[in-house]
Every structure is written in structure tokens, then in C-alpha cells.
Amino acid sequence: MLTGNPGHLKSFDYVGLRRYFLTFCTDSRRKLLTHSDAVDLVLLQIERAAADEQFAIVAYCFMPDHVHLLVEARAEASDCRRFIKRAKQFSGFYYTKTFGQRLWQRYGFERVLRNDEATLLVARYVLENPLRAGLATRVEDYLFVGSRLYSVAEILTAVADVPARSG
């Protein structure tokens, strides 16, 4: 299944101190992100792009055929479009080099988060994705969720009183 071209918002510059919810889907939605070798390699390259573009990875979840990222710009010059491009380019290059196949679909999805409540809703959605998919019964048991700022327990405590997002 291929996604369409959702495109970026035409009147929005994606630069500055903002938070984003990003989703990248694997090529043809193949289940390529099911083992630690692949996930670790891809996460390392996403972290590299985040460092280059001054973004923090607040939460992530690698599902078999997509990844969710909750990221936060750390500088006025942070550019989400550049971060997305580099994250997909770096991880796709090293994935193909290592595993011999294309990793990402061309387009992904992004949502600009406007406030702390939206950020907490997205954090909960990201961490609970494996539960909704039946891949784990507890967030703590799923190997491919985490954060580069907080422990999973800290995020779960922060989102405990936030209603679950449907869909």
C-alpha cells in the first residue's frame, strides 16, 4: 500500500522552536522493522539527523512497517523539513547498504503540535501503538519504543491522566 503525497503546508516554514509528530512508512508497507539489527541501525541514523538539525527525540516507536517520532526543535534555526529529509536519507542509505533493500516510502506524514496537551496525547499514542496492534500487553515489554530525553516510565507517568487518542 502506497501513501499519496500529503505534501507540506504551503504557508508554514517548519523552522523554529516547535514540536512535531512524524510518521515514516516502509516501502510498500513491508514489515522491515521487526528485529533489533534493523531498528538499531535506523534509530542511530535518525539520531544523527536529529543532532545535525538540533532536534530532540522525545518519543519513538518502531512498528513492523512504520515508525512514529515525537520530536522537538532545540534551536530557532531547527528546520523540520531538513530533519525529515536527512533522517530518511541517512537511515535509508545505511539500511539499503546493510540489508539490500529500499527502506522508506517517498512521503511521510507530519503534524505540528500546538501545545503541551497535544504533545502528551501524541506521546501516549506513540508509546501505546504496540498495544493497539497486539504486539505487546505492556508498553514496557515492547523493545522498540523509547525516548532520548526520558525513560519510558517517566513518559508513561506524564501521560497517565491524558485520555487515549482514538484512531
N, C-alpha and C. Protein backbone atom coordinates (compact mmCIF):
# COMPACT_ATOMS: atom_id res chain seq x y z
N MET A 1 0.84 -1.18 0.00
CA MET A 1 0.00 0.00 0.00
C MET A 1 0.88 1.24 0.00
N LEU A 2 0.72 2.08 -0.96
CA LEU A 2 1.50 3.31 -1.04
C LEU A 2 0.65 4.46 -0.54
N THR A 3 1.32 5.39 0.13
CA THR A 3 0.59 6.58 0.56
C THR A 3 0.62 7.59 -0.57
N GLY A 4 -0.30 8.51 -0.54
CA GLY A 4 -0.30 9.60 -1.52
C GLY A 4 0.76 10.62 -1.15
N ASN A 5 0.70 11.75 -1.79
CA ASN A 5 1.62 12.82 -1.50
C ASN A 5 0.92 13.83 -0.60
N PRO A 6 1.07 13.68 0.72
CA PRO A 6 0.39 14.61 1.61
C PRO A 6 0.98 16.01 1.53
N GLY A 7 2.25 16.11 1.14
CA GLY A 7 2.89 17.41 0.99
C GLY A 7 3.03 18.14 2.31
N HIS A 8 3.78 19.20 2.28
CA HIS A 8 3.95 20.06 3.44
C HIS A 8 2.97 21.21 3.35
N LEU A 9 2.71 21.83 4.47
CA LEU A 9 1.85 23.00 4.49
C LEU A 9 2.52 24.12 3.70
N LYS A 10 1.82 24.69 2.77
CA LYS A 10 2.42 25.71 1.89
C LYS A 10 2.74 27.00 2.63
N SER A 11 1.94 27.37 3.62
CA SER A 11 2.12 28.64 4.30
C SER A 11 2.88 28.51 5.62
N PHE A 12 3.58 27.42 5.81
CA PHE A 12 4.28 27.16 7.07
C PHE A 12 5.74 26.87 6.77
N ASP A 13 6.65 27.46 7.54
CA ASP A 13 8.07 27.32 7.19
C ASP A 13 8.80 26.17 7.90
N TYR A 14 8.21 25.55 8.91
CA TYR A 14 8.82 24.40 9.60
C TYR A 14 10.13 24.72 10.29
N VAL A 15 10.41 25.99 10.53
CA VAL A 15 11.65 26.42 11.18
C VAL A 15 11.29 27.05 12.52
N GLY A 16 12.08 26.71 13.54
CA GLY A 16 11.87 27.33 14.84
C GLY A 16 11.60 26.32 15.92
N LEU A 17 11.31 26.83 17.09
CA LEU A 17 11.13 26.01 18.29
C LEU A 17 9.72 25.42 18.34
N ARG A 18 9.56 24.30 17.66
CA ARG A 18 8.26 23.63 17.58
C ARG A 18 8.42 22.14 17.84
N ARG A 19 7.29 21.49 18.08
CA ARG A 19 7.26 20.03 18.24
C ARG A 19 6.44 19.44 17.10
N TYR A 20 6.83 18.23 16.69
CA TYR A 20 6.19 17.58 15.55
C TYR A 20 5.95 16.11 15.85
N PHE A 21 4.86 15.62 15.30
CA PHE A 21 4.56 14.19 15.30
C PHE A 21 4.78 13.72 13.87
N LEU A 22 5.74 12.82 13.68
CA LEU A 22 6.13 12.35 12.35
C LEU A 22 5.86 10.86 12.22
N THR A 23 5.48 10.45 11.02
CA THR A 23 5.31 9.03 10.70
C THR A 23 5.98 8.77 9.37
N PHE A 24 6.89 7.80 9.36
CA PHE A 24 7.53 7.34 8.13
C PHE A 24 7.10 5.90 7.91
N CYS A 25 6.61 5.58 6.73
CA CYS A 25 6.18 4.21 6.39
C CYS A 25 7.25 3.52 5.55
N THR A 26 7.39 2.24 5.76
CA THR A 26 8.34 1.47 4.98
C THR A 26 7.85 1.33 3.54
N ASP A 27 8.77 1.06 2.66
CA ASP A 27 8.46 0.88 1.24
C ASP A 27 7.41 -0.21 1.08
N SER A 28 6.32 0.11 0.41
CA SER A 28 5.20 -0.82 0.17
C SER A 28 4.66 -1.42 1.46
N ARG A 29 4.89 -0.73 2.58
CA ARG A 29 4.44 -1.15 3.92
C ARG A 29 4.92 -2.56 4.27
N ARG A 30 6.11 -2.90 3.77
CA ARG A 30 6.69 -4.20 4.13
C ARG A 30 7.15 -4.18 5.58
N LYS A 31 7.11 -5.32 6.23
CA LYS A 31 7.49 -5.44 7.64
C LYS A 31 9.02 -5.57 7.75
N LEU A 32 9.68 -4.42 7.67
CA LEU A 32 11.15 -4.39 7.65
C LEU A 32 11.76 -4.05 9.01
N LEU A 33 10.94 -3.57 9.95
CA LEU A 33 11.46 -3.09 11.22
C LEU A 33 11.04 -4.03 12.36
N THR A 34 11.43 -5.29 12.22
CA THR A 34 10.99 -6.31 13.18
C THR A 34 12.11 -6.89 14.03
N HIS A 35 13.34 -6.49 13.76
CA HIS A 35 14.45 -7.03 14.55
C HIS A 35 15.41 -5.92 14.96
N SER A 36 16.12 -6.18 16.04
CA SER A 36 16.99 -5.16 16.64
C SER A 36 18.06 -4.64 15.70
N ASP A 37 18.61 -5.50 14.86
CA ASP A 37 19.66 -5.03 13.93
C ASP A 37 19.15 -3.90 13.05
N ALA A 38 17.96 -4.06 12.51
CA ALA A 38 17.39 -3.03 11.62
C ALA A 38 16.97 -1.80 12.41
N VAL A 39 16.26 -1.99 13.52
CA VAL A 39 15.78 -0.85 14.30
C VAL A 39 16.95 -0.05 14.86
N ASP A 40 17.96 -0.72 15.40
CA ASP A 40 19.11 -0.01 15.96
C ASP A 40 19.84 0.82 14.90
N LEU A 41 20.01 0.24 13.72
CA LEU A 41 20.67 0.95 12.62
C LEU A 41 19.86 2.19 12.22
N VAL A 42 18.57 2.03 12.05
CA VAL A 42 17.71 3.14 11.62
C VAL A 42 17.65 4.21 12.71
N LEU A 43 17.49 3.81 13.96
CA LEU A 43 17.43 4.78 15.06
C LEU A 43 18.73 5.57 15.17
N LEU A 44 19.85 4.91 15.01
CA LEU A 44 21.14 5.60 15.05
C LEU A 44 21.22 6.70 14.00
N GLN A 45 20.74 6.43 12.81
CA GLN A 45 20.79 7.42 11.73
C GLN A 45 19.76 8.54 11.94
N ILE A 46 18.62 8.21 12.51
CA ILE A 46 17.65 9.25 12.85
C ILE A 46 18.22 10.16 13.94
N GLU A 47 18.90 9.56 14.91
CA GLU A 47 19.55 10.35 15.96
C GLU A 47 20.64 11.25 15.37
N ARG A 48 21.37 10.75 14.40
CA ARG A 48 22.39 11.55 13.72
C ARG A 48 21.77 12.78 13.06
N ALA A 49 20.66 12.57 12.34
CA ALA A 49 19.96 13.68 11.69
C ALA A 49 19.41 14.66 12.75
N ALA A 50 18.90 14.12 13.85
CA ALA A 50 18.37 14.97 14.92
C ALA A 50 19.49 15.85 15.50
N ALA A 51 20.64 15.28 15.72
CA ALA A 51 21.77 16.06 16.24
C ALA A 51 22.19 17.13 15.24
N ASP A 52 22.28 16.77 13.97
CA ASP A 52 22.67 17.73 12.92
C ASP A 52 21.70 18.90 12.83
N GLU A 53 20.41 18.63 12.97
CA GLU A 53 19.38 19.66 12.79
C GLU A 53 18.85 20.22 14.11
N GLN A 54 19.48 19.83 15.22
CA GLN A 54 19.14 20.32 16.56
C GLN A 54 17.69 20.01 16.95
N PHE A 55 17.37 18.72 16.87
CA PHE A 55 16.09 18.21 17.33
C PHE A 55 16.32 17.20 18.43
N ALA A 56 15.40 17.14 19.37
CA ALA A 56 15.40 16.10 20.41
C ALA A 56 14.33 15.08 20.05
N ILE A 57 14.64 13.82 20.28
CA ILE A 57 13.67 12.75 20.06
C ILE A 57 12.98 12.50 21.41
N VAL A 58 11.77 13.05 21.53
CA VAL A 58 11.02 12.96 22.78
C VAL A 58 10.45 11.56 22.97
N ALA A 59 9.96 10.97 21.89
CA ALA A 59 9.44 9.60 21.95
C ALA A 59 9.50 8.99 20.56
N TYR A 60 9.68 7.67 20.52
CA TYR A 60 9.67 6.96 19.24
C TYR A 60 9.05 5.59 19.44
N CYS A 61 8.52 5.07 18.35
CA CYS A 61 8.00 3.70 18.33
C CYS A 61 8.21 3.14 16.93
N PHE A 62 8.95 2.06 16.86
CA PHE A 62 9.16 1.35 15.60
C PHE A 62 8.17 0.20 15.53
N MET A 63 7.25 0.31 14.59
CA MET A 63 6.31 -0.77 14.31
C MET A 63 6.89 -1.54 13.12
N PRO A 64 6.38 -2.73 12.82
CA PRO A 64 6.98 -3.51 11.73
C PRO A 64 7.05 -2.77 10.39
N ASP A 65 6.05 -1.92 10.09
CA ASP A 65 6.02 -1.27 8.77
C ASP A 65 6.01 0.26 8.83
N HIS A 66 6.27 0.84 10.00
CA HIS A 66 6.37 2.29 10.09
C HIS A 66 7.03 2.69 11.40
N VAL A 67 7.41 3.95 11.48
CA VAL A 67 7.96 4.49 12.72
C VAL A 67 7.23 5.78 13.04
N HIS A 68 6.95 5.96 14.33
CA HIS A 68 6.39 7.21 14.83
C HIS A 68 7.48 7.92 15.62
N LEU A 69 7.59 9.23 15.39
CA LEU A 69 8.54 10.05 16.12
C LEU A 69 7.84 11.28 16.68
N LEU A 70 8.10 11.58 17.92
CA LEU A 70 7.70 12.85 18.53
C LEU A 70 9.00 13.60 18.74
N VAL A 71 9.18 14.69 18.00
CA VAL A 71 10.45 15.43 18.04
C VAL A 71 10.19 16.88 18.42
N GLU A 72 11.23 17.47 18.99
CA GLU A 72 11.15 18.85 19.45
C GLU A 72 12.38 19.61 18.98
N ALA A 73 12.15 20.74 18.32
CA ALA A 73 13.26 21.59 17.88
C ALA A 73 13.94 22.19 19.10
N ARG A 74 15.26 22.30 19.03
CA ARG A 74 16.04 22.84 20.14
C ARG A 74 16.67 24.18 19.84
N ALA A 75 16.46 24.69 18.63
CA ALA A 75 17.07 25.98 18.25
C ALA A 75 16.13 26.71 17.30
N GLU A 76 16.23 28.01 17.30
CA GLU A 76 15.42 28.83 16.38
C GLU A 76 15.66 28.44 14.92
N ALA A 77 16.86 27.94 14.63
CA ALA A 77 17.21 27.58 13.25
C ALA A 77 16.84 26.13 12.90
N SER A 78 16.31 25.37 13.85
CA SER A 78 15.94 23.99 13.57
C SER A 78 14.88 23.95 12.47
N ASP A 79 15.13 23.10 11.48
CA ASP A 79 14.25 23.02 10.30
C ASP A 79 13.73 21.58 10.19
N CYS A 80 12.44 21.40 10.41
CA CYS A 80 11.87 20.06 10.40
C CYS A 80 11.94 19.41 9.02
N ARG A 81 11.76 20.19 7.97
CA ARG A 81 11.86 19.59 6.63
C ARG A 81 13.25 19.03 6.39
N ARG A 82 14.28 19.75 6.83
CA ARG A 82 15.66 19.24 6.68
C ARG A 82 15.88 18.02 7.56
N PHE A 83 15.32 18.05 8.77
CA PHE A 83 15.45 16.90 9.66
C PHE A 83 14.82 15.66 9.01
N ILE A 84 13.60 15.80 8.51
CA ILE A 84 12.91 14.67 7.87
C ILE A 84 13.74 14.14 6.71
N LYS A 85 14.17 15.03 5.86
CA LYS A 85 14.95 14.62 4.68
C LYS A 85 16.21 13.87 5.09
N ARG A 86 16.95 14.42 6.05
CA ARG A 86 18.20 13.78 6.48
C ARG A 86 17.94 12.46 7.20
N ALA A 87 16.94 12.43 8.06
CA ALA A 87 16.63 11.21 8.81
C ALA A 87 16.31 10.06 7.85
N LYS A 88 15.47 10.34 6.86
CA LYS A 88 15.10 9.30 5.90
C LYS A 88 16.28 8.97 4.97
N GLN A 89 17.04 9.99 4.58
CA GLN A 89 18.16 9.77 3.68
C GLN A 89 19.25 8.94 4.37
N PHE A 90 19.67 9.35 5.56
CA PHE A 90 20.72 8.62 6.28
C PHE A 90 20.28 7.19 6.58
N SER A 91 19.10 7.04 7.18
CA SER A 91 18.66 5.70 7.58
C SER A 91 18.39 4.82 6.36
N GLY A 92 17.81 5.41 5.33
CA GLY A 92 17.56 4.64 4.11
C GLY A 92 18.83 4.16 3.44
N PHE A 93 19.84 5.04 3.40
CA PHE A 93 21.11 4.67 2.78
C PHE A 93 21.76 3.50 3.53
N TYR A 94 21.87 3.62 4.85
CA TYR A 94 22.55 2.56 5.60
C TYR A 94 21.72 1.29 5.68
N TYR A 95 20.40 1.41 5.66
CA TYR A 95 19.56 0.22 5.63
C TYR A 95 19.77 -0.53 4.32
N THR A 96 19.74 0.18 3.21
CA THR A 96 19.93 -0.45 1.89
C THR A 96 21.31 -1.07 1.80
N LYS A 97 22.31 -0.36 2.29
CA LYS A 97 23.69 -0.86 2.27
C LYS A 97 23.81 -2.16 3.08
N THR A 98 23.12 -2.22 4.20
CA THR A 98 23.22 -3.38 5.10
C THR A 98 22.31 -4.53 4.69
N PHE A 99 21.07 -4.21 4.32
CA PHE A 99 20.07 -5.25 4.09
C PHE A 99 19.68 -5.44 2.63
N GLY A 100 20.20 -4.59 1.75
CA GLY A 100 19.99 -4.79 0.32
C GLY A 100 18.61 -4.47 -0.21
N GLN A 101 17.84 -3.68 0.51
CA GLN A 101 16.53 -3.29 0.00
C GLN A 101 16.16 -1.88 0.46
N ARG A 102 15.27 -1.29 -0.31
CA ARG A 102 14.80 0.06 -0.01
C ARG A 102 14.01 0.05 1.29
N LEU A 103 14.19 1.10 2.10
CA LEU A 103 13.52 1.16 3.40
C LEU A 103 12.23 1.96 3.38
N TRP A 104 12.25 3.20 2.90
CA TRP A 104 11.13 4.11 3.09
C TRP A 104 10.29 4.34 1.84
N GLN A 105 9.02 4.60 2.07
CA GLN A 105 8.19 5.20 1.04
C GLN A 105 8.66 6.64 0.85
N ARG A 106 8.34 7.21 -0.27
CA ARG A 106 8.82 8.56 -0.58
C ARG A 106 8.30 9.60 0.41
N TYR A 107 7.02 9.54 0.72
CA TYR A 107 6.43 10.56 1.57
C TYR A 107 6.14 10.02 2.96
N GLY A 108 6.05 10.93 3.90
CA GLY A 108 5.65 10.60 5.26
C GLY A 108 4.57 11.58 5.69
N PHE A 109 4.29 11.57 6.95
CA PHE A 109 3.26 12.46 7.48
C PHE A 109 3.84 13.24 8.64
N GLU A 110 3.44 14.49 8.76
CA GLU A 110 3.86 15.28 9.90
C GLU A 110 2.70 16.10 10.41
N ARG A 111 2.72 16.32 11.70
CA ARG A 111 1.73 17.17 12.33
C ARG A 111 2.45 18.10 13.29
N VAL A 112 2.20 19.38 13.19
CA VAL A 112 2.77 20.37 14.09
C VAL A 112 1.92 20.36 15.36
N LEU A 113 2.59 20.25 16.49
CA LEU A 113 1.86 20.23 17.77
C LEU A 113 1.83 21.63 18.35
N ARG A 114 0.67 22.04 18.79
CA ARG A 114 0.48 23.44 19.19
C ARG A 114 0.60 23.69 20.68
N ASN A 115 0.45 22.65 21.52
CA ASN A 115 0.50 22.90 22.96
C ASN A 115 0.94 21.64 23.70
N ASP A 116 1.09 21.77 25.01
CA ASP A 116 1.55 20.65 25.82
C ASP A 116 0.56 19.50 25.83
N GLU A 117 -0.75 19.81 25.84
CA GLU A 117 -1.75 18.75 25.84
C GLU A 117 -1.65 17.90 24.57
N ALA A 118 -1.50 18.55 23.44
CA ALA A 118 -1.34 17.81 22.18
C ALA A 118 -0.09 16.95 22.22
N THR A 119 0.97 17.47 22.80
CA THR A 119 2.22 16.72 22.91
C THR A 119 2.03 15.49 23.78
N LEU A 120 1.33 15.62 24.89
CA LEU A 120 1.09 14.47 25.77
C LEU A 120 0.19 13.45 25.10
N LEU A 121 -0.82 13.90 24.37
CA LEU A 121 -1.68 12.97 23.62
C LEU A 121 -0.87 12.16 22.61
N VAL A 122 0.01 12.85 21.90
CA VAL A 122 0.83 12.17 20.89
C VAL A 122 1.82 11.22 21.57
N ALA A 123 2.43 11.64 22.67
CA ALA A 123 3.36 10.76 23.39
C ALA A 123 2.65 9.47 23.80
N ARG A 124 1.46 9.61 24.31
CA ARG A 124 0.69 8.42 24.71
C ARG A 124 0.38 7.55 23.49
N TYR A 125 -0.08 8.18 22.41
CA TYR A 125 -0.39 7.45 21.18
C TYR A 125 0.84 6.69 20.67
N VAL A 126 1.98 7.34 20.66
CA VAL A 126 3.22 6.72 20.17
C VAL A 126 3.57 5.50 21.02
N LEU A 127 3.59 5.68 22.33
CA LEU A 127 4.00 4.58 23.21
C LEU A 127 3.01 3.42 23.22
N GLU A 128 1.74 3.71 23.06
CA GLU A 128 0.73 2.65 23.13
C GLU A 128 0.45 1.98 21.79
N ASN A 129 1.10 2.41 20.74
CA ASN A 129 0.88 1.84 19.42
C ASN A 129 1.06 0.31 19.40
N PRO A 130 2.09 -0.24 20.01
CA PRO A 130 2.24 -1.71 20.01
C PRO A 130 1.12 -2.43 20.75
N LEU A 131 0.53 -1.77 21.74
CA LEU A 131 -0.58 -2.39 22.47
C LEU A 131 -1.81 -2.49 21.57
N ARG A 132 -2.11 -1.39 20.86
CA ARG A 132 -3.26 -1.39 19.96
C ARG A 132 -3.10 -2.41 18.84
N ALA A 133 -1.85 -2.65 18.42
CA ALA A 133 -1.59 -3.60 17.34
C ALA A 133 -1.48 -5.04 17.83
N GLY A 134 -1.55 -5.23 19.14
CA GLY A 134 -1.46 -6.58 19.69
C GLY A 134 -0.04 -7.14 19.72
N LEU A 135 0.96 -6.27 19.66
CA LEU A 135 2.35 -6.72 19.67
C LEU A 135 2.92 -6.83 21.08
N ALA A 136 2.23 -6.26 22.05
CA ALA A 136 2.66 -6.33 23.45
C ALA A 136 1.44 -6.07 24.32
N THR A 137 1.53 -6.48 25.57
CA THR A 137 0.44 -6.21 26.51
C THR A 137 0.78 -5.06 27.46
N ARG A 138 2.07 -4.73 27.51
CA ARG A 138 2.52 -3.58 28.31
C ARG A 138 3.56 -2.82 27.48
N VAL A 139 3.51 -1.50 27.54
CA VAL A 139 4.47 -0.68 26.80
C VAL A 139 5.89 -1.07 27.16
N GLU A 140 6.13 -1.29 28.44
CA GLU A 140 7.47 -1.60 28.93
C GLU A 140 8.05 -2.88 28.34
N ASP A 141 7.20 -3.75 27.82
CA ASP A 141 7.65 -5.02 27.27
C ASP A 141 8.00 -4.96 25.78
N TYR A 142 7.65 -3.86 25.12
CA TYR A 142 7.92 -3.74 23.69
C TYR A 142 9.32 -3.16 23.51
N LEU A 143 10.14 -3.86 22.74
CA LEU A 143 11.56 -3.48 22.60
C LEU A 143 11.80 -2.18 21.84
N PHE A 144 10.88 -1.81 20.98
CA PHE A 144 11.19 -0.73 20.03
C PHE A 144 10.45 0.57 20.31
N VAL A 145 10.25 0.89 21.59
CA VAL A 145 9.73 2.19 22.00
C VAL A 145 10.74 2.84 22.93
N GLY A 146 10.73 4.16 22.95
CA GLY A 146 11.64 4.83 23.86
C GLY A 146 11.66 6.33 23.65
N SER A 147 12.71 6.92 24.20
CA SER A 147 12.92 8.36 24.14
C SER A 147 14.40 8.60 24.31
N ARG A 148 14.86 9.71 23.81
CA ARG A 148 16.25 10.10 24.04
C ARG A 148 16.33 11.19 25.10
N LEU A 149 15.18 11.53 25.72
CA LEU A 149 15.15 12.52 26.79
C LEU A 149 14.69 11.95 28.12
N TYR A 150 13.78 10.98 28.07
CA TYR A 150 13.14 10.46 29.27
C TYR A 150 13.12 8.95 29.25
N SER A 151 12.92 8.36 30.42
CA SER A 151 12.68 6.92 30.45
C SER A 151 11.24 6.68 30.02
N VAL A 152 10.95 5.47 29.60
CA VAL A 152 9.58 5.11 29.23
C VAL A 152 8.68 5.29 30.44
N ALA A 153 9.16 4.93 31.62
CA ALA A 153 8.36 5.09 32.85
C ALA A 153 8.01 6.55 33.09
N GLU A 154 8.96 7.46 32.85
CA GLU A 154 8.68 8.89 33.04
C GLU A 154 7.60 9.38 32.08
N ILE A 155 7.67 8.94 30.84
CA ILE A 155 6.66 9.37 29.86
C ILE A 155 5.30 8.77 30.23
N LEU A 156 5.28 7.50 30.60
CA LEU A 156 4.01 6.88 30.97
C LEU A 156 3.37 7.58 32.18
N THR A 157 4.18 8.01 33.13
CA THR A 157 3.66 8.76 34.29
C THR A 157 3.09 10.09 33.83
N ALA A 158 3.79 10.77 32.93
CA ALA A 158 3.34 12.09 32.45
C ALA A 158 2.03 12.00 31.68
N VAL A 159 1.82 10.90 30.97
CA VAL A 159 0.62 10.79 30.13
C VAL A 159 -0.50 9.99 30.81
N ALA A 160 -0.29 9.56 32.04
CA ALA A 160 -1.25 8.69 32.70
C ALA A 160 -2.65 9.28 32.78
N ASP A 161 -2.77 10.59 32.96
CA ASP A 161 -4.08 11.21 33.11
C ASP A 161 -4.63 11.79 31.82
N VAL A 162 -3.91 11.57 30.72
CA VAL A 162 -4.35 12.09 29.42
C VAL A 162 -5.22 11.03 28.75
N PRO A 163 -6.40 11.41 28.29
CA PRO A 163 -7.26 10.41 27.64
C PRO A 163 -6.58 9.82 26.40
N ALA A 164 -6.80 8.54 26.18
CA ALA A 164 -6.23 7.89 25.00
C ALA A 164 -6.84 8.47 23.74
N ARG A 165 -6.02 8.59 22.72
CA ARG A 165 -6.47 9.09 21.41
C ARG A 165 -7.03 7.91 20.63
N SER A 166 -8.13 8.09 20.02
CA SER A 166 -8.68 7.01 19.19
C SER A 166 -8.19 7.15 17.78
N GLY A 167 -8.04 6.01 17.09
CA GLY A 167 -7.63 6.01 15.69
C GLY A 167 -6.24 6.09 15.48
